[in-house]
Amino acid sequence: MITTLTTFILPKPVTREEARSIFLSTAPKYRGVPGLLRKTYLLSEDGRTVGGVYFWNSRREAEAMYTDAWRAFVREKYDTDPTVAYFESPVVVDNVAQQILSDAAA
């Protein structure tokens, strides 16, 4: 399993309400994406940084998301370039599903 962290440093801060509106406008784009288990949108306290935490089945599926087209979409939507960091996620605790997931079980 892979977790990615995307961040975008904004040219000007946004409020929580502005961020929520922007996030809701882009959320449907991520429904049904192959390998994407969950996405959580992020907003820094000062409103200058936004991004997302994505939980993926595999790195291959994650890399399929972060294309030049995706980067262009981010650039147009947020007027900034994104950064993407990849992390191995060998164990995940899911308190909603009441499960502990391990990539060894895959």
N, C-alpha and C. Protein backbone atom coordinates (compact mmCIF):
# COMPACT_ATOMS: atom_id res chain seq x y z
N MET A 1 0.85 -1.17 0.00
CA MET A 1 0.00 0.00 0.00
C MET A 1 0.90 1.23 0.00
N ILE A 2 0.38 2.30 -0.59
CA ILE A 2 1.12 3.54 -0.74
C ILE A 2 0.25 4.70 -0.26
N THR A 3 0.88 5.64 0.42
CA THR A 3 0.24 6.90 0.77
C THR A 3 1.00 8.00 0.05
N THR A 4 0.26 8.91 -0.58
CA THR A 4 0.91 10.07 -1.18
C THR A 4 0.42 11.32 -0.47
N LEU A 5 1.32 12.28 -0.40
CA LEU A 5 1.01 13.59 0.16
C LEU A 5 1.26 14.61 -0.93
N THR A 6 0.21 15.33 -1.32
CA THR A 6 0.37 16.40 -2.29
C THR A 6 0.22 17.73 -1.56
N THR A 7 1.02 18.70 -1.94
CA THR A 7 0.90 20.04 -1.35
C THR A 7 1.02 21.09 -2.44
N PHE A 8 0.28 22.16 -2.23
CA PHE A 8 0.28 23.30 -3.14
C PHE A 8 0.40 24.56 -2.28
N ILE A 9 1.45 25.33 -2.48
CA ILE A 9 1.61 26.61 -1.78
C ILE A 9 0.87 27.66 -2.59
N LEU A 10 -0.14 28.25 -2.02
CA LEU A 10 -1.00 29.18 -2.74
C LEU A 10 -0.39 30.57 -2.83
N PRO A 11 -0.68 31.31 -3.91
CA PRO A 11 -0.18 32.67 -4.03
C PRO A 11 -0.82 33.62 -3.01
N LYS A 12 -2.06 33.30 -2.59
CA LYS A 12 -2.71 34.07 -1.53
C LYS A 12 -3.54 33.10 -0.70
N PRO A 13 -3.69 33.37 0.58
CA PRO A 13 -4.41 32.44 1.46
C PRO A 13 -5.89 32.33 1.09
N VAL A 14 -6.47 31.18 1.44
CA VAL A 14 -7.92 30.98 1.29
C VAL A 14 -8.50 30.70 2.67
N THR A 15 -9.78 31.03 2.80
CA THR A 15 -10.49 30.73 4.04
C THR A 15 -10.92 29.27 4.03
N ARG A 16 -11.35 28.79 5.18
CA ARG A 16 -11.86 27.42 5.27
C ARG A 16 -13.06 27.24 4.34
N GLU A 17 -13.93 28.24 4.29
CA GLU A 17 -15.12 28.16 3.45
C GLU A 17 -14.74 28.15 1.97
N GLU A 18 -13.77 28.97 1.56
CA GLU A 18 -13.31 28.96 0.17
C GLU A 18 -12.69 27.61 -0.17
N ALA A 19 -11.87 27.10 0.73
CA ALA A 19 -11.23 25.80 0.50
C ALA A 19 -12.28 24.71 0.37
N ARG A 20 -13.26 24.69 1.25
CA ARG A 20 -14.32 23.67 1.19
C ARG A 20 -15.02 23.72 -0.16
N SER A 21 -15.32 24.90 -0.65
CA SER A 21 -15.99 25.06 -1.93
C SER A 21 -15.12 24.53 -3.08
N ILE A 22 -13.85 24.87 -3.06
CA ILE A 22 -12.93 24.38 -4.09
C ILE A 22 -12.83 22.86 -4.01
N PHE A 23 -12.65 22.33 -2.82
CA PHE A 23 -12.49 20.88 -2.64
C PHE A 23 -13.74 20.13 -3.11
N LEU A 24 -14.91 20.64 -2.76
CA LEU A 24 -16.15 19.99 -3.19
C LEU A 24 -16.29 20.01 -4.71
N SER A 25 -15.74 21.05 -5.36
CA SER A 25 -15.83 21.12 -6.82
C SER A 25 -14.92 20.10 -7.49
N THR A 26 -13.84 19.69 -6.83
CA THR A 26 -12.91 18.73 -7.44
C THR A 26 -13.11 17.30 -6.94
N ALA A 27 -13.79 17.12 -5.84
CA ALA A 27 -13.95 15.78 -5.24
C ALA A 27 -14.53 14.74 -6.21
N PRO A 28 -15.54 15.06 -7.01
CA PRO A 28 -16.08 14.04 -7.92
C PRO A 28 -15.04 13.47 -8.89
N LYS A 29 -14.02 14.23 -9.21
CA LYS A 29 -12.96 13.79 -10.12
C LYS A 29 -12.24 12.55 -9.57
N TYR A 30 -12.24 12.35 -8.26
CA TYR A 30 -11.49 11.27 -7.63
C TYR A 30 -12.34 10.03 -7.33
N ARG A 31 -13.63 10.09 -7.57
CA ARG A 31 -14.48 8.92 -7.35
C ARG A 31 -14.21 7.89 -8.44
N GLY A 32 -14.05 6.65 -8.05
CA GLY A 32 -13.87 5.58 -9.01
C GLY A 32 -12.49 5.50 -9.64
N VAL A 33 -11.52 6.25 -9.13
CA VAL A 33 -10.17 6.17 -9.67
C VAL A 33 -9.57 4.81 -9.31
N PRO A 34 -9.09 4.06 -10.29
CA PRO A 34 -8.53 2.73 -10.00
C PRO A 34 -7.41 2.78 -8.97
N GLY A 35 -7.57 1.98 -7.92
CA GLY A 35 -6.54 1.87 -6.89
C GLY A 35 -6.61 2.90 -5.78
N LEU A 36 -7.40 3.95 -5.95
CA LEU A 36 -7.50 4.98 -4.91
C LEU A 36 -8.54 4.54 -3.88
N LEU A 37 -8.07 4.32 -2.66
CA LEU A 37 -8.95 3.88 -1.59
C LEU A 37 -9.60 5.04 -0.86
N ARG A 38 -8.83 6.11 -0.67
CA ARG A 38 -9.35 7.26 0.09
C ARG A 38 -8.50 8.48 -0.22
N LYS A 39 -9.16 9.63 -0.25
CA LYS A 39 -8.46 10.91 -0.36
C LYS A 39 -8.98 11.83 0.73
N THR A 40 -8.08 12.50 1.42
CA THR A 40 -8.43 13.50 2.42
C THR A 40 -7.83 14.82 1.97
N TYR A 41 -8.66 15.84 1.85
CA TYR A 41 -8.18 17.17 1.49
C TYR A 41 -7.57 17.85 2.71
N LEU A 42 -6.56 18.69 2.47
CA LEU A 42 -5.85 19.37 3.55
C LEU A 42 -5.85 20.88 3.35
N LEU A 43 -5.92 21.61 4.45
CA LEU A 43 -5.81 23.07 4.47
C LEU A 43 -5.00 23.47 5.69
N SER A 44 -3.92 24.21 5.47
CA SER A 44 -3.10 24.66 6.60
C SER A 44 -3.86 25.73 7.40
N GLU A 45 -3.46 25.91 8.64
CA GLU A 45 -4.13 26.88 9.50
C GLU A 45 -4.08 28.29 8.94
N ASP A 46 -2.97 28.64 8.26
CA ASP A 46 -2.85 29.99 7.72
C ASP A 46 -3.49 30.15 6.34
N GLY A 47 -4.04 29.06 5.79
CA GLY A 47 -4.72 29.12 4.51
C GLY A 47 -3.80 29.24 3.31
N ARG A 48 -2.50 29.10 3.52
CA ARG A 48 -1.53 29.26 2.42
C ARG A 48 -1.17 27.96 1.72
N THR A 49 -1.41 26.84 2.38
CA THR A 49 -1.06 25.54 1.80
C THR A 49 -2.29 24.65 1.78
N VAL A 50 -2.54 24.04 0.63
CA VAL A 50 -3.61 23.05 0.50
C VAL A 50 -2.99 21.80 -0.11
N GLY A 51 -3.74 20.72 -0.07
CA GLY A 51 -3.22 19.49 -0.66
C GLY A 51 -4.12 18.33 -0.32
N GLY A 52 -3.51 17.14 -0.37
CA GLY A 52 -4.29 15.95 -0.10
C GLY A 52 -3.42 14.80 0.37
N VAL A 53 -4.03 13.92 1.13
CA VAL A 53 -3.43 12.64 1.52
C VAL A 53 -4.24 11.58 0.80
N TYR A 54 -3.55 10.77 0.00
CA TYR A 54 -4.19 9.75 -0.80
C TYR A 54 -3.70 8.38 -0.33
N PHE A 55 -4.62 7.45 -0.19
CA PHE A 55 -4.27 6.09 0.20
C PHE A 55 -4.54 5.19 -1.00
N TRP A 56 -3.49 4.51 -1.50
CA TRP A 56 -3.53 3.73 -2.74
C TRP A 56 -3.24 2.26 -2.49
N ASN A 57 -3.73 1.43 -3.40
CA ASN A 57 -3.38 0.01 -3.41
C ASN A 57 -1.92 -0.19 -3.77
N SER A 58 -1.42 0.60 -4.75
CA SER A 58 -0.05 0.38 -5.23
C SER A 58 0.56 1.68 -5.74
N ARG A 59 1.86 1.69 -5.82
CA ARG A 59 2.58 2.85 -6.37
C ARG A 59 2.24 3.04 -7.85
N ARG A 60 2.13 1.95 -8.58
CA ARG A 60 1.79 2.04 -10.00
C ARG A 60 0.48 2.79 -10.19
N GLU A 61 -0.52 2.46 -9.38
CA GLU A 61 -1.82 3.13 -9.50
C GLU A 61 -1.72 4.59 -9.07
N ALA A 62 -0.91 4.87 -8.05
CA ALA A 62 -0.72 6.26 -7.63
C ALA A 62 -0.04 7.06 -8.73
N GLU A 63 1.01 6.52 -9.31
CA GLU A 63 1.75 7.24 -10.36
C GLU A 63 0.86 7.51 -11.57
N ALA A 64 -0.12 6.65 -11.81
CA ALA A 64 -1.03 6.85 -12.93
C ALA A 64 -1.88 8.11 -12.75
N MET A 65 -2.04 8.58 -11.52
CA MET A 65 -2.82 9.78 -11.24
C MET A 65 -2.02 11.06 -11.54
N TYR A 66 -0.76 11.07 -11.14
CA TYR A 66 0.01 12.31 -11.14
C TYR A 66 0.70 12.55 -12.47
N THR A 67 -0.11 12.70 -13.50
CA THR A 67 0.35 12.91 -14.87
C THR A 67 0.58 14.40 -15.14
N ASP A 68 1.09 14.70 -16.32
CA ASP A 68 1.22 16.10 -16.74
C ASP A 68 -0.15 16.78 -16.78
N ALA A 69 -1.18 16.04 -17.18
CA ALA A 69 -2.53 16.60 -17.23
C ALA A 69 -3.02 16.95 -15.83
N TRP A 70 -2.74 16.08 -14.85
CA TRP A 70 -3.13 16.36 -13.46
C TRP A 70 -2.40 17.60 -12.95
N ARG A 71 -1.11 17.69 -13.24
CA ARG A 71 -0.33 18.86 -12.81
C ARG A 71 -0.85 20.14 -13.45
N ALA A 72 -1.26 20.07 -14.71
CA ALA A 72 -1.83 21.24 -15.39
C ALA A 72 -3.17 21.63 -14.74
N PHE A 73 -3.98 20.62 -14.37
CA PHE A 73 -5.25 20.87 -13.69
C PHE A 73 -5.00 21.61 -12.37
N VAL A 74 -4.02 21.13 -11.59
CA VAL A 74 -3.69 21.78 -10.32
C VAL A 74 -3.22 23.20 -10.55
N ARG A 75 -2.34 23.38 -11.52
CA ARG A 75 -1.80 24.70 -11.84
C ARG A 75 -2.93 25.67 -12.19
N GLU A 76 -3.88 25.20 -12.99
CA GLU A 76 -4.99 26.07 -13.40
C GLU A 76 -5.93 26.36 -12.22
N LYS A 77 -6.21 25.35 -11.40
CA LYS A 77 -7.16 25.49 -10.29
C LYS A 77 -6.59 26.34 -9.15
N TYR A 78 -5.29 26.14 -8.84
CA TYR A 78 -4.72 26.76 -7.65
C TYR A 78 -3.65 27.81 -7.95
N ASP A 79 -3.30 27.99 -9.22
CA ASP A 79 -2.29 28.96 -9.63
C ASP A 79 -0.93 28.70 -8.98
N THR A 80 -0.59 27.41 -8.89
CA THR A 80 0.70 27.00 -8.31
C THR A 80 1.02 25.58 -8.78
N ASP A 81 2.27 25.21 -8.65
CA ASP A 81 2.69 23.85 -9.00
C ASP A 81 2.59 22.94 -7.79
N PRO A 82 2.16 21.69 -7.99
CA PRO A 82 2.05 20.75 -6.87
C PRO A 82 3.36 20.03 -6.58
N THR A 83 3.48 19.54 -5.36
CA THR A 83 4.54 18.58 -5.03
C THR A 83 3.85 17.29 -4.63
N VAL A 84 4.50 16.17 -4.93
CA VAL A 84 3.96 14.86 -4.58
C VAL A 84 5.05 14.05 -3.89
N ALA A 85 4.74 13.54 -2.70
CA ALA A 85 5.67 12.67 -1.98
C ALA A 85 5.00 11.31 -1.80
N TYR A 86 5.80 10.25 -1.98
CA TYR A 86 5.32 8.88 -1.86
C TYR A 86 5.84 8.25 -0.57
N PHE A 87 4.98 7.51 0.12
CA PHE A 87 5.34 6.82 1.34
C PHE A 87 4.82 5.39 1.29
N GLU A 88 5.64 4.44 1.68
CA GLU A 88 5.18 3.07 1.87
C GLU A 88 4.25 3.05 3.08
N SER A 89 3.19 2.27 3.01
CA SER A 89 2.23 2.14 4.12
C SER A 89 2.03 0.66 4.43
N PRO A 90 2.99 0.05 5.14
CA PRO A 90 2.92 -1.38 5.39
C PRO A 90 1.78 -1.80 6.32
N VAL A 91 1.33 -0.89 7.18
CA VAL A 91 0.23 -1.20 8.11
C VAL A 91 -0.66 0.03 8.22
N VAL A 92 -1.97 -0.21 8.18
CA VAL A 92 -2.96 0.86 8.32
C VAL A 92 -3.98 0.43 9.36
N VAL A 93 -4.27 1.31 10.32
CA VAL A 93 -5.33 1.07 11.29
C VAL A 93 -6.56 1.81 10.79
N ASP A 94 -7.65 1.09 10.56
CA ASP A 94 -8.90 1.68 10.09
C ASP A 94 -9.93 1.50 11.20
N ASN A 95 -10.17 2.55 11.96
CA ASN A 95 -11.10 2.47 13.08
C ASN A 95 -12.56 2.49 12.63
N VAL A 96 -12.82 3.00 11.43
CA VAL A 96 -14.20 2.99 10.91
C VAL A 96 -14.61 1.56 10.57
N ALA A 97 -13.76 0.88 9.82
CA ALA A 97 -14.04 -0.51 9.44
C ALA A 97 -13.62 -1.50 10.54
N GLN A 98 -12.99 -0.99 11.58
CA GLN A 98 -12.50 -1.81 12.68
C GLN A 98 -11.57 -2.91 12.17
N GLN A 99 -10.57 -2.48 11.36
CA GLN A 99 -9.61 -3.40 10.78
C GLN A 99 -8.18 -2.87 10.93
N ILE A 100 -7.26 -3.78 10.93
CA ILE A 100 -5.84 -3.45 10.77
C ILE A 100 -5.43 -4.10 9.45
N LEU A 101 -5.01 -3.26 8.50
CA LEU A 101 -4.63 -3.73 7.17
C LEU A 101 -3.12 -3.81 7.07
N SER A 102 -2.63 -4.84 6.40
CA SER A 102 -1.21 -5.00 6.20
C SER A 102 -0.95 -5.36 4.75
N ASP A 103 0.11 -4.79 4.17
CA ASP A 103 0.40 -5.11 2.77
C ASP A 103 0.87 -6.56 2.62
N ALA A 104 1.23 -7.20 3.70
CA ALA A 104 1.61 -8.63 3.63
C ALA A 104 0.39 -9.49 3.32
N ALA A 105 -0.80 -8.98 3.61
CA ALA A 105 -2.03 -9.72 3.35
C ALA A 105 -2.47 -9.59 1.90
N ALA A 106 -1.81 -8.72 1.15
CA ALA A 106 -2.21 -8.49 -0.25
C ALA A 106 -1.84 -9.64 -1.14
